[in-house]
Amino acid sequence: ETAKFIKVSLDTAERNLSGKGGTRTI
């Protein structure tokens, strides 16, 4: 029952190079 909750994925996002918005990603 616990094993049903496990999920693994490869994700991506673009890095926020502007420094605006306070986040690491766009």
mmCIF file of all heavy atoms, coordinates in Angstrom:
data_MODEL
# 
_entry.id   MODEL 
# 
loop_
_atom_site.group_PDB 
_atom_site.id 
_atom_site.type_symbol 
_atom_site.label_atom_id 
_atom_site.label_alt_id 
_atom_site.label_comp_id 
_atom_site.label_asym_id 
_atom_site.label_entity_id 
_atom_site.label_seq_id 
_atom_site.pdbx_PDB_ins_code 
_atom_site.Cartn_x 
_atom_site.Cartn_y 
_atom_site.Cartn_z 
_atom_site.occupancy 
_atom_site.B_iso_or_equiv 
_atom_site.pdbx_formal_charge 
_atom_site.auth_seq_id 
_atom_site.auth_comp_id 
_atom_site.auth_asym_id 
_atom_site.auth_atom_id 
_atom_site.pdbx_PDB_model_num 
ATOM 1   N N   . GLU A 1 1  ? 0.831  -1.209 0.000   1.00 0.00 ? 1  GLU A N   1 
ATOM 2   C CA  . GLU A 1 1  ? 0.000  0.000  0.000   1.00 0.00 ? 1  GLU A CA  1 
ATOM 3   C C   . GLU A 1 1  ? 0.864  1.258  0.000   1.00 0.00 ? 1  GLU A C   1 
ATOM 4   O O   . GLU A 1 1  ? 0.572  2.230  -0.695  1.00 0.00 ? 1  GLU A O   1 
ATOM 5   C CB  . GLU A 1 1  ? -0.936 0.018  1.223   1.00 0.00 ? 1  GLU A CB  1 
ATOM 6   C CG  . GLU A 1 1  ? -2.001 -1.053 1.207   1.00 0.00 ? 1  GLU A CG  1 
ATOM 7   C CD  . GLU A 1 1  ? -1.463 -2.433 1.619   1.00 0.00 ? 1  GLU A CD  1 
ATOM 8   O OE1 . GLU A 1 1  ? -0.488 -2.512 2.391   1.00 0.00 ? 1  GLU A OE1 1 
ATOM 9   O OE2 . GLU A 1 1  ? -2.005 -3.433 1.116   1.00 0.00 ? 1  GLU A OE2 1 
ATOM 10  N N   . THR A 1 2  ? 1.933  1.246  0.765   1.00 0.00 ? 2  THR A N   1 
ATOM 11  C CA  . THR A 1 2  ? 2.841  2.396  0.811   1.00 0.00 ? 2  THR A CA  1 
ATOM 12  C C   . THR A 1 2  ? 3.595  2.536  -0.499  1.00 0.00 ? 2  THR A C   1 
ATOM 13  O O   . THR A 1 2  ? 3.796  3.647  -0.993  1.00 0.00 ? 2  THR A O   1 
ATOM 14  C CB  . THR A 1 2  ? 3.848  2.245  1.977   1.00 0.00 ? 2  THR A CB  1 
ATOM 15  O OG1 . THR A 1 2  ? 3.123  2.175  3.211   1.00 0.00 ? 2  THR A OG1 1 
ATOM 16  C CG2 . THR A 1 2  ? 4.809  3.407  2.036   1.00 0.00 ? 2  THR A CG2 1 
ATOM 17  N N   . ALA A 1 3  ? 3.996  1.428  -1.095  1.00 0.00 ? 3  ALA A N   1 
ATOM 18  C CA  . ALA A 1 3  ? 4.774  1.461  -2.341  1.00 0.00 ? 3  ALA A CA  1 
ATOM 19  C C   . ALA A 1 3  ? 4.000  2.121  -3.479  1.00 0.00 ? 3  ALA A C   1 
ATOM 20  O O   . ALA A 1 3  ? 4.598  2.673  -4.401  1.00 0.00 ? 3  ALA A O   1 
ATOM 21  C CB  . ALA A 1 3  ? 5.200  0.052  -2.730  1.00 0.00 ? 3  ALA A CB  1 
ATOM 22  N N   . LYS A 1 4  ? 2.667  2.089  -3.413  1.00 0.00 ? 4  LYS A N   1 
ATOM 23  C CA  . LYS A 1 4  ? 1.848  2.708  -4.465  1.00 0.00 ? 4  LYS A CA  1 
ATOM 24  C C   . LYS A 1 4  ? 2.042  4.224  -4.543  1.00 0.00 ? 4  LYS A C   1 
ATOM 25  O O   . LYS A 1 4  ? 1.749  4.832  -5.560  1.00 0.00 ? 4  LYS A O   1 
ATOM 26  C CB  . LYS A 1 4  ? 0.370  2.392  -4.235  1.00 0.00 ? 4  LYS A CB  1 
ATOM 27  C CG  . LYS A 1 4  ? 0.023  0.940  -4.437  1.00 0.00 ? 4  LYS A CG  1 
ATOM 28  C CD  . LYS A 1 4  ? -1.434 0.687  -4.124  1.00 0.00 ? 4  LYS A CD  1 
ATOM 29  C CE  . LYS A 1 4  ? -1.750 -0.797 -4.170  1.00 0.00 ? 4  LYS A CE  1 
ATOM 30  N NZ  . LYS A 1 4  ? -3.131 -1.077 -3.766  1.00 0.00 ? 4  LYS A NZ  1 
ATOM 31  N N   . PHE A 1 5  ? 2.512  4.843  -3.464  1.00 0.00 ? 5  PHE A N   1 
ATOM 32  C CA  . PHE A 1 5  ? 2.692  6.297  -3.430  1.00 0.00 ? 5  PHE A CA  1 
ATOM 33  C C   . PHE A 1 5  ? 4.011  6.750  -4.054  1.00 0.00 ? 5  PHE A C   1 
ATOM 34  O O   . PHE A 1 5  ? 4.206  7.934  -4.304  1.00 0.00 ? 5  PHE A O   1 
ATOM 35  C CB  . PHE A 1 5  ? 2.634  6.809  -1.980  1.00 0.00 ? 5  PHE A CB  1 
ATOM 36  C CG  . PHE A 1 5  ? 1.269  6.738  -1.380  1.00 0.00 ? 5  PHE A CG  1 
ATOM 37  C CD1 . PHE A 1 5  ? 0.955  5.743  -0.473  1.00 0.00 ? 5  PHE A CD1 1 
ATOM 38  C CD2 . PHE A 1 5  ? 0.300  7.663  -1.730  1.00 0.00 ? 5  PHE A CD2 1 
ATOM 39  C CE1 . PHE A 1 5  ? -0.312 5.675  0.093   1.00 0.00 ? 5  PHE A CE1 1 
ATOM 40  C CE2 . PHE A 1 5  ? -0.971 7.598  -1.179  1.00 0.00 ? 5  PHE A CE2 1 
ATOM 41  C CZ  . PHE A 1 5  ? -1.279 6.598  -0.263  1.00 0.00 ? 5  PHE A CZ  1 
ATOM 42  N N   . ILE A 1 6  ? 4.937  5.829  -4.294  1.00 0.00 ? 6  ILE A N   1 
ATOM 43  C CA  . ILE A 1 6  ? 6.271  6.197  -4.784  1.00 0.00 ? 6  ILE A CA  1 
ATOM 44  C C   . ILE A 1 6  ? 6.202  6.562  -6.268  1.00 0.00 ? 6  ILE A C   1 
ATOM 45  O O   . ILE A 1 6  ? 5.661  5.812  -7.070  1.00 0.00 ? 6  ILE A O   1 
ATOM 46  C CB  . ILE A 1 6  ? 7.273  5.050  -4.570  1.00 0.00 ? 6  ILE A CB  1 
ATOM 47  C CG1 . ILE A 1 6  ? 7.361  4.685  -3.093  1.00 0.00 ? 6  ILE A CG1 1 
ATOM 48  C CG2 . ILE A 1 6  ? 8.642  5.425  -5.129  1.00 0.00 ? 6  ILE A CG2 1 
ATOM 49  C CD1 . ILE A 1 6  ? 8.145  3.417  -2.810  1.00 0.00 ? 6  ILE A CD1 1 
ATOM 50  N N   . LYS A 1 7  ? 6.771  7.729  -6.590  1.00 0.00 ? 7  LYS A N   1 
ATOM 51  C CA  . LYS A 1 7  ? 6.863  8.176  -7.981  1.00 0.00 ? 7  LYS A CA  1 
ATOM 52  C C   . LYS A 1 7  ? 8.227  8.810  -8.198  1.00 0.00 ? 7  LYS A C   1 
ATOM 53  O O   . LYS A 1 7  ? 8.725  9.540  -7.343  1.00 0.00 ? 7  LYS A O   1 
ATOM 54  C CB  . LYS A 1 7  ? 5.774  9.187  -8.302  1.00 0.00 ? 7  LYS A CB  1 
ATOM 55  C CG  . LYS A 1 7  ? 4.369  8.612  -8.303  1.00 0.00 ? 7  LYS A CG  1 
ATOM 56  C CD  . LYS A 1 7  ? 3.362  9.654  -8.713  1.00 0.00 ? 7  LYS A CD  1 
ATOM 57  C CE  . LYS A 1 7  ? 1.975  9.107  -8.844  1.00 0.00 ? 7  LYS A CE  1 
ATOM 58  N NZ  . LYS A 1 7  ? 1.406  8.439  -7.756  1.00 0.00 ? 7  LYS A NZ  1 
ATOM 59  N N   . VAL A 1 8  ? 8.847  8.510  -9.348  1.00 0.00 ? 8  VAL A N   1 
ATOM 60  C CA  . VAL A 1 8  ? 10.145 9.080  -9.700  1.00 0.00 ? 8  VAL A CA  1 
ATOM 61  C C   . VAL A 1 8  ? 10.087 9.519  -11.157 1.00 0.00 ? 8  VAL A C   1 
ATOM 62  O O   . VAL A 1 8  ? 9.602  8.782  -12.007 1.00 0.00 ? 8  VAL A O   1 
ATOM 63  C CB  . VAL A 1 8  ? 11.293 8.056  -9.500  1.00 0.00 ? 8  VAL A CB  1 
ATOM 64  C CG1 . VAL A 1 8  ? 12.626 8.665  -9.886  1.00 0.00 ? 8  VAL A CG1 1 
ATOM 65  C CG2 . VAL A 1 8  ? 11.327 7.546  -8.072  1.00 0.00 ? 8  VAL A CG2 1 
ATOM 66  N N   . SER A 1 9  ? 10.582 10.733 -11.422 1.00 0.00 ? 9  SER A N   1 
ATOM 67  C CA  . SER A 1 9  ? 10.585 11.237 -12.797 1.00 0.00 ? 9  SER A CA  1 
ATOM 68  C C   . SER A 1 9  ? 11.832 12.078 -13.045 1.00 0.00 ? 9  SER A C   1 
ATOM 69  O O   . SER A 1 9  ? 12.460 12.565 -12.103 1.00 0.00 ? 9  SER A O   1 
ATOM 70  C CB  . SER A 1 9  ? 9.334  12.074 -13.067 1.00 0.00 ? 9  SER A CB  1 
ATOM 71  O OG  . SER A 1 9  ? 9.315  13.210 -12.225 1.00 0.00 ? 9  SER A OG  1 
ATOM 72  N N   . LEU A 1 10 ? 12.176 12.239 -14.314 1.00 0.00 ? 10 LEU A N   1 
ATOM 73  C CA  . LEU A 1 10 ? 13.223 13.173 -14.717 1.00 0.00 ? 10 LEU A CA  1 
ATOM 74  C C   . LEU A 1 10 ? 12.509 14.414 -15.222 1.00 0.00 ? 10 LEU A C   1 
ATOM 75  O O   . LEU A 1 10 ? 11.696 14.337 -16.146 1.00 0.00 ? 10 LEU A O   1 
ATOM 76  C CB  . LEU A 1 10 ? 14.103 12.587 -15.821 1.00 0.00 ? 10 LEU A CB  1 
ATOM 77  C CG  . LEU A 1 10 ? 15.166 13.540 -16.370 1.00 0.00 ? 10 LEU A CG  1 
ATOM 78  C CD1 . LEU A 1 10 ? 16.209 13.873 -15.299 1.00 0.00 ? 10 LEU A CD1 1 
ATOM 79  C CD2 . LEU A 1 10 ? 15.834 12.955 -17.594 1.00 0.00 ? 10 LEU A CD2 1 
ATOM 80  N N   . ASP A 1 11 ? 12.801 15.541 -14.604 1.00 0.00 ? 11 ASP A N   1 
ATOM 81  C CA  . ASP A 1 11 ? 12.152 16.804 -14.932 1.00 0.00 ? 11 ASP A CA  1 
ATOM 82  C C   . ASP A 1 11 ? 13.203 17.823 -15.354 1.00 0.00 ? 11 ASP A C   1 
ATOM 83  O O   . ASP A 1 11 ? 14.391 17.654 -15.072 1.00 0.00 ? 11 ASP A O   1 
ATOM 84  C CB  . ASP A 1 11 ? 11.393 17.345 -13.718 1.00 0.00 ? 11 ASP A CB  1 
ATOM 85  C CG  . ASP A 1 11 ? 10.439 16.324 -13.108 1.00 0.00 ? 11 ASP A CG  1 
ATOM 86  O OD1 . ASP A 1 11 ? 10.005 15.409 -13.831 1.00 0.00 ? 11 ASP A OD1 1 
ATOM 87  O OD2 . ASP A 1 11 ? 10.147 16.439 -11.914 1.00 0.00 ? 11 ASP A OD2 1 
ATOM 88  N N   . THR A 1 12 ? 12.746 18.881 -15.987 1.00 0.00 ? 12 THR A N   1 
ATOM 89  C CA  . THR A 1 12 ? 13.657 19.959 -16.373 1.00 0.00 ? 12 THR A CA  1 
ATOM 90  C C   . THR A 1 12 ? 12.932 21.293 -16.296 1.00 0.00 ? 12 THR A C   1 
ATOM 91  O O   . THR A 1 12 ? 11.697 21.356 -16.320 1.00 0.00 ? 12 THR A O   1 
ATOM 92  C CB  . THR A 1 12 ? 14.227 19.746 -17.791 1.00 0.00 ? 12 THR A CB  1 
ATOM 93  O OG1 . THR A 1 12 ? 15.240 20.714 -18.038 1.00 0.00 ? 12 THR A OG1 1 
ATOM 94  C CG2 . THR A 1 12 ? 13.155 19.867 -18.853 1.00 0.00 ? 12 THR A CG2 1 
ATOM 95  N N   . ALA A 1 13 ? 13.728 22.349 -16.216 1.00 0.00 ? 13 ALA A N   1 
ATOM 96  C CA  . ALA A 1 13 ? 13.226 23.722 -16.257 1.00 0.00 ? 13 ALA A CA  1 
ATOM 97  C C   . ALA A 1 13 ? 14.385 24.598 -16.703 1.00 0.00 ? 13 ALA A C   1 
ATOM 98  O O   . ALA A 1 13 ? 15.553 24.218 -16.583 1.00 0.00 ? 13 ALA A O   1 
ATOM 99  C CB  . ALA A 1 13 ? 12.710 24.157 -14.897 1.00 0.00 ? 13 ALA A CB  1 
ATOM 100 N N   . GLU A 1 14 ? 14.070 25.761 -17.227 1.00 0.00 ? 14 GLU A N   1 
ATOM 101 C CA  . GLU A 1 14 ? 15.113 26.709 -17.631 1.00 0.00 ? 14 GLU A CA  1 
ATOM 102 C C   . GLU A 1 14 ? 15.528 27.543 -16.422 1.00 0.00 ? 14 GLU A C   1 
ATOM 103 O O   . GLU A 1 14 ? 14.688 28.025 -15.673 1.00 0.00 ? 14 GLU A O   1 
ATOM 104 C CB  . GLU A 1 14 ? 14.613 27.630 -18.744 1.00 0.00 ? 14 GLU A CB  1 
ATOM 105 C CG  . GLU A 1 14 ? 14.584 26.995 -20.098 1.00 0.00 ? 14 GLU A CG  1 
ATOM 106 C CD  . GLU A 1 14 ? 15.972 26.627 -20.606 1.00 0.00 ? 14 GLU A CD  1 
ATOM 107 O OE1 . GLU A 1 14 ? 16.918 27.423 -20.480 1.00 0.00 ? 14 GLU A OE1 1 
ATOM 108 O OE2 . GLU A 1 14 ? 16.115 25.510 -21.121 1.00 0.00 ? 14 GLU A OE2 1 
ATOM 109 N N   . ARG A 1 15 ? 16.830 27.708 -16.276 1.00 0.00 ? 15 ARG A N   1 
ATOM 110 C CA  . ARG A 1 15 ? 17.373 28.504 -15.168 1.00 0.00 ? 15 ARG A CA  1 
ATOM 111 C C   . ARG A 1 15 ? 17.034 29.975 -15.377 1.00 0.00 ? 15 ARG A C   1 
ATOM 112 O O   . ARG A 1 15 ? 17.130 30.508 -16.469 1.00 0.00 ? 15 ARG A O   1 
ATOM 113 C CB  . ARG A 1 15 ? 18.883 28.328 -15.100 1.00 0.00 ? 15 ARG A CB  1 
ATOM 114 C CG  . ARG A 1 15 ? 19.516 28.957 -13.865 1.00 0.00 ? 15 ARG A CG  1 
ATOM 115 C CD  . ARG A 1 15 ? 21.009 28.679 -13.799 1.00 0.00 ? 15 ARG A CD  1 
ATOM 116 N NE  . ARG A 1 15 ? 21.334 27.275 -13.782 1.00 0.00 ? 15 ARG A NE  1 
ATOM 117 C CZ  . ARG A 1 15 ? 21.322 26.502 -12.695 1.00 0.00 ? 15 ARG A CZ  1 
ATOM 118 N NH1 . ARG A 1 15 ? 20.977 27.002 -11.543 1.00 0.00 ? 15 ARG A NH1 1 
ATOM 119 N NH2 . ARG A 1 15 ? 21.665 25.238 -12.772 1.00 0.00 ? 15 ARG A NH2 1 
ATOM 120 N N   . ASN A 1 16 ? 16.644 30.636 -14.307 1.00 0.00 ? 16 ASN A N   1 
ATOM 121 C CA  . ASN A 1 16 ? 16.339 32.065 -14.331 1.00 0.00 ? 16 ASN A CA  1 
ATOM 122 C C   . ASN A 1 16 ? 17.648 32.836 -14.205 1.00 0.00 ? 16 ASN A C   1 
ATOM 123 O O   . ASN A 1 16 ? 18.216 32.942 -13.127 1.00 0.00 ? 16 ASN A O   1 
ATOM 124 C CB  . ASN A 1 16 ? 15.388 32.412 -13.182 1.00 0.00 ? 16 ASN A CB  1 
ATOM 125 C CG  . ASN A 1 16 ? 14.981 33.857 -13.172 1.00 0.00 ? 16 ASN A CG  1 
ATOM 126 O OD1 . ASN A 1 16 ? 15.446 34.653 -13.990 1.00 0.00 ? 16 ASN A OD1 1 
ATOM 127 N ND2 . ASN A 1 16 ? 14.116 34.216 -12.247 1.00 0.00 ? 16 ASN A ND2 1 
ATOM 128 N N   . LEU A 1 17 ? 18.157 33.364 -15.298 1.00 0.00 ? 17 LEU A N   1 
ATOM 129 C CA  . LEU A 1 17 ? 19.420 34.094 -15.299 1.00 0.00 ? 17 LEU A CA  1 
ATOM 130 C C   . LEU A 1 17 ? 19.240 35.575 -15.006 1.00 0.00 ? 17 LEU A C   1 
ATOM 131 O O   . LEU A 1 17 ? 20.199 36.272 -14.705 1.00 0.00 ? 17 LEU A O   1 
ATOM 132 C CB  . LEU A 1 17 ? 20.129 33.927 -16.649 1.00 0.00 ? 17 LEU A CB  1 
ATOM 133 C CG  . LEU A 1 17 ? 20.503 32.498 -17.027 1.00 0.00 ? 17 LEU A CG  1 
ATOM 134 C CD1 . LEU A 1 17 ? 21.069 32.440 -18.435 1.00 0.00 ? 17 LEU A CD1 1 
ATOM 135 C CD2 . LEU A 1 17 ? 21.496 31.928 -16.030 1.00 0.00 ? 17 LEU A CD2 1 
ATOM 136 N N   . SER A 1 18 ? 17.996 36.076 -15.080 1.00 0.00 ? 18 SER A N   1 
ATOM 137 C CA  . SER A 1 18 ? 17.753 37.506 -14.894 1.00 0.00 ? 18 SER A CA  1 
ATOM 138 C C   . SER A 1 18 ? 17.820 37.917 -13.431 1.00 0.00 ? 18 SER A C   1 
ATOM 139 O O   . SER A 1 18 ? 18.067 39.070 -13.127 1.00 0.00 ? 18 SER A O   1 
ATOM 140 C CB  . SER A 1 18 ? 16.382 37.888 -15.457 1.00 0.00 ? 18 SER A CB  1 
ATOM 141 O OG  . SER A 1 18 ? 15.348 37.371 -14.630 1.00 0.00 ? 18 SER A OG  1 
ATOM 142 N N   . GLY A 1 19 ? 17.577 36.976 -12.519 1.00 0.00 ? 19 GLY A N   1 
ATOM 143 C CA  . GLY A 1 19 ? 17.565 37.320 -11.101 1.00 0.00 ? 19 GLY A CA  1 
ATOM 144 C C   . GLY A 1 19 ? 16.260 37.953 -10.672 1.00 0.00 ? 19 GLY A C   1 
ATOM 145 O O   . GLY A 1 19 ? 16.057 38.260 -9.509  1.00 0.00 ? 19 GLY A O   1 
ATOM 146 N N   . LYS A 1 20 ? 15.339 38.169 -11.607 1.00 0.00 ? 20 LYS A N   1 
ATOM 147 C CA  . LYS A 1 20 ? 14.042 38.765 -11.286 1.00 0.00 ? 20 LYS A CA  1 
ATOM 148 C C   . LYS A 1 20 ? 13.060 37.672 -10.932 1.00 0.00 ? 20 LYS A C   1 
ATOM 149 O O   . LYS A 1 20 ? 13.098 36.577 -11.461 1.00 0.00 ? 20 LYS A O   1 
ATOM 150 C CB  . LYS A 1 20 ? 13.516 39.560 -12.480 1.00 0.00 ? 20 LYS A CB  1 
ATOM 151 C CG  . LYS A 1 20 ? 14.393 40.729 -12.842 1.00 0.00 ? 20 LYS A CG  1 
ATOM 152 C CD  . LYS A 1 20 ? 13.867 41.435 -14.060 1.00 0.00 ? 20 LYS A CD  1 
ATOM 153 C CE  . LYS A 1 20 ? 14.831 42.554 -14.438 1.00 0.00 ? 20 LYS A CE  1 
ATOM 154 N NZ  . LYS A 1 20 ? 14.471 43.169 -15.707 1.00 0.00 ? 20 LYS A NZ  1 
ATOM 155 N N   . GLY A 1 21 ? 12.154 37.988 -10.030 1.00 0.00 ? 21 GLY A N   1 
ATOM 156 C CA  . GLY A 1 21 ? 11.117 37.027 -9.659  1.00 0.00 ? 21 GLY A CA  1 
ATOM 157 C C   . GLY A 1 21 ? 11.496 36.170 -8.476  1.00 0.00 ? 21 GLY A C   1 
ATOM 158 O O   . GLY A 1 21 ? 10.661 35.480 -7.927  1.00 0.00 ? 21 GLY A O   1 
ATOM 159 N N   . GLY A 1 22 ? 12.762 36.174 -8.073  1.00 0.00 ? 22 GLY A N   1 
ATOM 160 C CA  . GLY A 1 22 ? 13.187 35.460 -6.880  1.00 0.00 ? 22 GLY A CA  1 
ATOM 161 C C   . GLY A 1 22 ? 13.198 33.946 -6.988  1.00 0.00 ? 22 GLY A C   1 
ATOM 162 O O   . GLY A 1 22 ? 13.331 33.268 -5.991  1.00 0.00 ? 22 GLY A O   1 
ATOM 163 N N   . THR A 1 23 ? 13.030 33.390 -8.193  1.00 0.00 ? 23 THR A N   1 
ATOM 164 C CA  . THR A 1 23 ? 13.058 31.937 -8.322  1.00 0.00 ? 23 THR A CA  1 
ATOM 165 C C   . THR A 1 23 ? 14.295 31.507 -9.093  1.00 0.00 ? 23 THR A C   1 
ATOM 166 O O   . THR A 1 23 ? 14.897 32.292 -9.814  1.00 0.00 ? 23 THR A O   1 
ATOM 167 C CB  . THR A 1 23 ? 11.802 31.405 -9.066  1.00 0.00 ? 23 THR A CB  1 
ATOM 168 O OG1 . THR A 1 23 ? 11.826 31.913 -10.396 1.00 0.00 ? 23 THR A OG1 1 
ATOM 169 C CG2 . THR A 1 23 ? 10.530 31.807 -8.367  1.00 0.00 ? 23 THR A CG2 1 
ATOM 170 N N   . ARG A 1 24 ? 14.654 30.251 -8.936  1.00 0.00 ? 24 ARG A N   1 
ATOM 171 C CA  . ARG A 1 24 ? 15.797 29.698 -9.660  1.00 0.00 ? 24 ARG A CA  1 
ATOM 172 C C   . ARG A 1 24 ? 15.453 29.327 -11.081 1.00 0.00 ? 24 ARG A C   1 
ATOM 173 O O   . ARG A 1 24 ? 16.321 29.188 -11.905 1.00 0.00 ? 24 ARG A O   1 
ATOM 174 C CB  . ARG A 1 24 ? 16.235 28.383 -9.031  1.00 0.00 ? 24 ARG A CB  1 
ATOM 175 C CG  . ARG A 1 24 ? 16.979 28.235 -8.096  1.00 0.00 ? 24 ARG A CG  1 
ATOM 176 C CD  . ARG A 1 24 ? 17.355 26.916 -7.464  1.00 0.00 ? 24 ARG A CD  1 
ATOM 177 N NE  . ARG A 1 24 ? 16.765 25.694 -7.910  1.00 0.00 ? 24 ARG A NE  1 
ATOM 178 C CZ  . ARG A 1 24 ? 17.448 24.663 -8.312  1.00 0.00 ? 24 ARG A CZ  1 
ATOM 179 N NH1 . ARG A 1 24 ? 18.737 24.696 -8.356  1.00 0.00 ? 24 ARG A NH1 1 
ATOM 180 N NH2 . ARG A 1 24 ? 16.859 23.565 -8.659  1.00 0.00 ? 24 ARG A NH2 1 
ATOM 181 N N   . THR A 1 25 ? 14.159 29.095 -11.335 1.00 0.00 ? 25 THR A N   1 
ATOM 182 C CA  . THR A 1 25 ? 13.734 28.683 -12.665 1.00 0.00 ? 25 THR A CA  1 
ATOM 183 C C   . THR A 1 25 ? 12.759 29.694 -13.252 1.00 0.00 ? 25 THR A C   1 
ATOM 184 O O   . THR A 1 25 ? 12.122 30.453 -12.531 1.00 0.00 ? 25 THR A O   1 
ATOM 185 C CB  . THR A 1 25 ? 13.054 27.298 -12.622 1.00 0.00 ? 25 THR A CB  1 
ATOM 186 O OG1 . THR A 1 25 ? 11.914 27.358 -11.772 1.00 0.00 ? 25 THR A OG1 1 
ATOM 187 C CG2 . THR A 1 25 ? 14.010 26.238 -12.114 1.00 0.00 ? 25 THR A CG2 1 
ATOM 188 N N   . ILE A 1 26 ? 12.641 29.679 -14.561 1.00 0.00 ? 26 ILE A N   1 
ATOM 189 C CA  . ILE A 1 26 ? 11.695 30.552 -15.251 1.00 0.00 ? 26 ILE A CA  1 
ATOM 190 C C   . ILE A 1 26 ? 10.310 29.915 -15.138 1.00 0.00 ? 26 ILE A C   1 
ATOM 191 O O   . ILE A 1 26 ? 10.147 28.736 -15.469 1.00 0.00 ? 26 ILE A O   1 
ATOM 192 C CB  . ILE A 1 26 ? 12.087 30.729 -16.731 1.00 0.00 ? 26 ILE A CB  1 
ATOM 193 C CG1 . ILE A 1 26 ? 13.465 31.382 -16.819 1.00 0.00 ? 26 ILE A CG1 1 
ATOM 194 C CG2 . ILE A 1 26 ? 11.032 31.524 -17.482 1.00 0.00 ? 26 ILE A CG2 1 
ATOM 195 C CD1 . ILE A 1 26 ? 14.034 31.431 -18.220 1.00 0.00 ? 26 ILE A CD1 1 
# 
